[in-house]
N, C-alpha and C. Protein backbone atom coordinates (compact mmCIF):
# COMPACT_ATOMS: atom_id res chain seq x y z
N MET A 1 9.09 12.96 1.09
CA MET A 1 8.49 13.44 -0.12
C MET A 1 8.50 12.23 -1.09
N ILE A 2 9.59 11.51 -1.16
CA ILE A 2 9.64 10.41 -2.05
C ILE A 2 8.54 9.43 -1.73
N GLU A 3 8.16 9.28 -0.59
CA GLU A 3 7.22 8.31 -0.16
C GLU A 3 5.83 8.67 -0.74
N ILE A 4 5.52 9.97 -0.83
CA ILE A 4 4.24 10.32 -1.36
C ILE A 4 4.27 10.15 -2.81
N ILE A 5 5.33 10.39 -3.55
CA ILE A 5 5.45 10.06 -4.98
C ILE A 5 5.22 8.55 -5.21
N ILE A 6 5.83 7.73 -4.42
CA ILE A 6 5.62 6.25 -4.56
C ILE A 6 4.22 5.93 -4.30
N LEU A 7 3.55 6.50 -3.24
CA LEU A 7 2.24 6.23 -3.02
C LEU A 7 1.36 6.58 -4.14
N ILE A 8 1.49 7.70 -4.75
CA ILE A 8 0.73 8.17 -5.92
C ILE A 8 0.88 7.17 -7.07
N PHE A 9 2.11 6.78 -7.34
CA PHE A 9 2.36 5.83 -8.43
C PHE A 9 1.70 4.52 -8.22
N LEU A 10 1.84 4.00 -7.06
CA LEU A 10 1.26 2.71 -6.72
C LEU A 10 -0.25 2.76 -6.65
N THR A 11 -0.85 3.90 -6.31
CA THR A 11 -2.30 4.01 -6.38
C THR A 11 -2.75 4.12 -7.71
N ARG A 12 -2.08 4.71 -8.66
CA ARG A 12 -2.47 4.67 -10.04
C ARG A 12 -2.45 3.24 -10.54
N GLU A 13 -1.45 2.52 -10.21
CA GLU A 13 -1.31 1.07 -10.67
C GLU A 13 -2.45 0.27 -10.19
N ILE A 14 -2.85 0.45 -8.95
CA ILE A 14 -4.05 -0.14 -8.33
C ILE A 14 -5.32 0.25 -9.14
N GLY A 15 -5.47 1.47 -9.42
CA GLY A 15 -6.56 1.89 -10.25
C GLY A 15 -6.74 1.25 -11.49
N LYS A 16 -5.62 1.13 -12.30
CA LYS A 16 -5.59 0.49 -13.60
C LYS A 16 -5.92 -0.92 -13.48
N LEU A 17 -5.44 -1.71 -12.46
CA LEU A 17 -5.74 -3.05 -12.27
C LEU A 17 -7.17 -3.27 -11.95
N ALA A 18 -7.73 -2.40 -11.12
CA ALA A 18 -9.14 -2.48 -10.78
C ALA A 18 -10.07 -2.21 -11.95
N LEU A 19 -9.73 -1.41 -12.74
CA LEU A 19 -10.47 -1.00 -13.97
C LEU A 19 -10.36 -2.26 -14.92
N SER A 20 -9.31 -2.88 -15.02
CA SER A 20 -9.14 -4.10 -15.88
C SER A 20 -9.96 -5.26 -15.32
N LYS A 21 -10.14 -5.28 -14.05
CA LYS A 21 -10.92 -6.34 -13.46
C LYS A 21 -12.47 -6.01 -13.32
N GLY A 22 -12.87 -4.80 -13.87
CA GLY A 22 -14.28 -4.48 -13.80
C GLY A 22 -14.70 -3.98 -12.53
N GLN A 23 -13.79 -3.46 -11.70
CA GLN A 23 -14.13 -2.95 -10.31
C GLN A 23 -14.00 -1.38 -10.37
N LYS A 24 -14.54 -0.78 -9.41
CA LYS A 24 -14.47 0.75 -9.27
C LYS A 24 -13.05 1.15 -8.88
N PRO A 25 -12.37 1.83 -9.68
CA PRO A 25 -10.89 2.18 -9.36
C PRO A 25 -10.81 3.06 -8.04
N ALA A 26 -11.80 3.97 -7.79
CA ALA A 26 -11.78 4.86 -6.67
C ALA A 26 -11.80 4.11 -5.31
N THR A 27 -12.58 3.03 -5.34
CA THR A 27 -12.73 2.18 -4.09
C THR A 27 -11.41 1.48 -3.81
N TRP A 28 -10.77 0.88 -4.81
CA TRP A 28 -9.49 0.20 -4.52
C TRP A 28 -8.38 1.28 -4.28
N LYS A 29 -8.38 2.45 -4.88
CA LYS A 29 -7.40 3.48 -4.55
C LYS A 29 -7.52 3.89 -3.10
N PHE A 30 -8.81 4.00 -2.59
CA PHE A 30 -9.01 4.35 -1.22
C PHE A 30 -8.51 3.27 -0.29
N TYR A 31 -8.76 2.00 -0.65
CA TYR A 31 -8.21 0.85 0.14
C TYR A 31 -6.70 0.96 0.12
N ASN A 32 -6.10 1.39 -0.99
CA ASN A 32 -4.58 1.36 -1.07
C ASN A 32 -3.97 2.40 -0.11
N VAL A 33 -4.65 3.47 -0.21
CA VAL A 33 -4.20 4.68 0.61
C VAL A 33 -4.42 4.35 2.19
N LEU A 34 -5.57 3.86 2.46
CA LEU A 34 -5.90 3.54 3.81
C LEU A 34 -5.00 2.46 4.28
N GLY A 35 -4.78 1.38 3.53
CA GLY A 35 -3.95 0.29 3.90
C GLY A 35 -2.47 0.80 4.12
N TRP A 36 -2.00 1.66 3.20
CA TRP A 36 -0.59 2.22 3.31
C TRP A 36 -0.49 2.86 4.62
N LEU A 37 -1.37 3.86 4.96
CA LEU A 37 -1.29 4.59 6.17
C LEU A 37 -1.37 3.77 7.41
N THR A 38 -2.30 2.83 7.37
CA THR A 38 -2.43 1.93 8.54
C THR A 38 -1.21 1.07 8.75
N PHE A 39 -0.74 0.46 7.75
CA PHE A 39 0.34 -0.51 7.92
C PHE A 39 1.66 0.35 8.18
N GLU A 40 1.74 1.53 7.65
CA GLU A 40 2.91 2.43 7.99
C GLU A 40 2.92 2.70 9.50
N CYS A 41 1.86 3.01 10.11
CA CYS A 41 1.70 3.34 11.48
C CYS A 41 1.96 2.21 12.33
N ILE A 42 1.52 0.98 11.87
CA ILE A 42 1.75 -0.21 12.63
C ILE A 42 3.27 -0.62 12.53
N GLY A 43 3.90 -0.37 11.31
CA GLY A 43 5.32 -0.64 11.23
C GLY A 43 6.19 0.37 12.03
N LEU A 44 5.76 1.55 12.11
CA LEU A 44 6.51 2.58 12.90
C LEU A 44 6.47 2.18 14.41
N LEU A 45 5.36 1.79 14.81
CA LEU A 45 5.19 1.24 16.18
C LEU A 45 6.02 0.01 16.49
N ALA A 46 5.98 -0.93 15.60
CA ALA A 46 6.84 -2.09 15.65
C ALA A 46 8.27 -1.74 15.67
N GLY A 47 8.64 -0.77 14.76
CA GLY A 47 10.07 -0.26 14.68
C GLY A 47 10.52 0.39 16.00
N LEU A 48 9.60 1.19 16.58
CA LEU A 48 10.03 1.79 17.88
C LEU A 48 10.12 0.79 18.86
N MET A 49 9.39 -0.24 19.00
CA MET A 49 9.50 -1.35 19.97
C MET A 49 10.82 -2.14 19.80
N ILE A 50 11.20 -2.31 18.58
CA ILE A 50 12.31 -3.17 18.29
C ILE A 50 13.67 -2.33 18.39
N PHE A 51 13.73 -1.05 17.87
CA PHE A 51 14.97 -0.26 17.88
C PHE A 51 15.00 0.82 18.79
N GLY A 52 13.92 1.22 19.37
CA GLY A 52 13.85 2.33 20.32
C GLY A 52 13.80 3.66 19.58
N LYS A 53 13.76 4.67 20.24
CA LYS A 53 13.53 6.05 19.66
C LYS A 53 14.97 6.67 19.29
N ASP A 54 16.01 6.09 19.55
CA ASP A 54 17.33 6.59 19.19
C ASP A 54 17.75 6.21 17.81
N ASN A 55 17.12 5.18 17.08
CA ASN A 55 17.51 4.76 15.82
C ASN A 55 16.33 5.02 14.82
N LEU A 56 16.19 6.25 14.50
CA LEU A 56 14.94 6.60 13.64
C LEU A 56 15.04 6.21 12.23
N VAL A 57 16.21 5.99 11.68
CA VAL A 57 16.22 5.44 10.32
C VAL A 57 15.83 4.13 10.24
N SER A 58 16.20 3.23 11.16
CA SER A 58 15.73 1.87 11.06
C SER A 58 14.24 1.81 11.34
N VAL A 59 13.73 2.72 12.24
CA VAL A 59 12.25 2.75 12.52
C VAL A 59 11.51 3.15 11.22
N ASN A 60 12.05 4.16 10.56
CA ASN A 60 11.33 4.52 9.31
C ASN A 60 11.39 3.39 8.30
N LEU A 61 12.56 2.71 8.19
CA LEU A 61 12.58 1.69 7.20
C LEU A 61 11.65 0.49 7.48
N VAL A 62 11.44 0.19 8.73
CA VAL A 62 10.44 -0.80 9.05
C VAL A 62 9.05 -0.21 8.67
N GLY A 63 8.73 1.01 8.90
CA GLY A 63 7.44 1.60 8.62
C GLY A 63 7.18 1.54 7.03
N ILE A 64 8.21 1.81 6.31
CA ILE A 64 8.11 1.76 4.73
C ILE A 64 7.87 0.37 4.36
N THR A 65 8.64 -0.47 5.03
CA THR A 65 8.38 -1.94 4.65
C THR A 65 7.00 -2.39 4.80
N PHE A 66 6.43 -2.07 5.97
CA PHE A 66 5.15 -2.45 6.18
C PHE A 66 4.16 -1.77 5.22
N ALA A 67 4.32 -0.53 4.90
CA ALA A 67 3.49 0.17 3.99
C ALA A 67 3.50 -0.52 2.54
N VAL A 68 4.70 -0.87 2.03
CA VAL A 68 4.82 -1.49 0.73
C VAL A 68 4.15 -2.86 0.84
N THR A 69 4.23 -3.51 1.90
CA THR A 69 3.59 -4.81 1.99
C THR A 69 2.07 -4.63 1.93
N SER A 70 1.48 -3.60 2.42
CA SER A 70 0.12 -3.35 2.26
C SER A 70 -0.32 -3.30 0.78
N TYR A 71 0.59 -2.59 0.10
CA TYR A 71 0.28 -2.51 -1.40
C TYR A 71 0.20 -3.89 -2.06
N PHE A 72 1.13 -4.74 -1.69
CA PHE A 72 1.24 -6.09 -2.29
C PHE A 72 0.00 -6.89 -1.87
N LEU A 73 -0.40 -6.76 -0.63
CA LEU A 73 -1.61 -7.49 -0.11
C LEU A 73 -2.79 -7.02 -0.85
N ILE A 74 -2.99 -5.75 -1.08
CA ILE A 74 -4.24 -5.19 -1.88
C ILE A 74 -4.11 -5.79 -3.32
N LYS A 75 -2.96 -5.62 -3.88
CA LYS A 75 -2.80 -6.09 -5.33
C LYS A 75 -3.09 -7.52 -5.41
N SER A 76 -2.61 -8.40 -4.44
CA SER A 76 -2.91 -9.82 -4.48
C SER A 76 -4.34 -10.06 -4.43
N ARG A 77 -5.05 -9.35 -3.57
CA ARG A 77 -6.58 -9.52 -3.44
C ARG A 77 -7.24 -9.22 -4.72
N LEU A 78 -6.77 -8.03 -5.33
CA LEU A 78 -7.40 -7.63 -6.62
C LEU A 78 -7.06 -8.66 -7.78
N ASN A 79 -5.86 -9.14 -7.73
CA ASN A 79 -5.49 -10.12 -8.82
C ASN A 79 -6.29 -11.39 -8.69
N LYS A 80 -6.81 -11.74 -7.46
CA LYS A 80 -7.70 -12.98 -7.34
C LYS A 80 -9.02 -12.87 -7.98
N LEU A 81 -9.46 -11.51 -8.32
CA LEU A 81 -10.75 -11.46 -8.96
C LEU A 81 -10.72 -11.76 -10.37
N SER A 82 -11.90 -12.14 -10.87
CA SER A 82 -11.96 -12.49 -12.32
C SER A 82 -11.78 -11.30 -13.25
N ASP A 83 -11.19 -11.60 -14.44
CA ASP A 83 -10.91 -10.49 -15.41
C ASP A 83 -12.25 -10.01 -16.00
N HIS A 84 -12.32 -8.83 -16.26
CA HIS A 84 -13.57 -8.22 -16.94
C HIS A 84 -13.26 -8.14 -18.45
N ASN A 85 -14.03 -8.86 -19.26
CA ASN A 85 -13.77 -8.82 -20.62
C ASN A 85 -14.61 -7.72 -21.36
N VAL A 86 -13.97 -6.85 -21.81
CA VAL A 86 -14.62 -5.64 -22.55
C VAL A 86 -14.48 -5.99 -24.00
N GLU A 87 -15.70 -6.11 -24.66
CA GLU A 87 -15.74 -6.37 -26.07
C GLU A 87 -16.47 -5.35 -26.78
């Protein structure tokens, strides 16, 4: 449950940043959710390969770590865009 709340908060932050850069917030929010889910699945698979199915706490921590990494990658990509000056 806490993961969903974190995802909602981070998606709002990406939307605000996209708006300040002159981009469509909905597109970048979609990228954030898609990246989060994709990286979390990859992280869960990596965690299962590393720790096995008997250590689910560690597997989930690896999945969450990958998911948060996807947020920072998308934020970094968005930060590289030029600022949109609204006058």
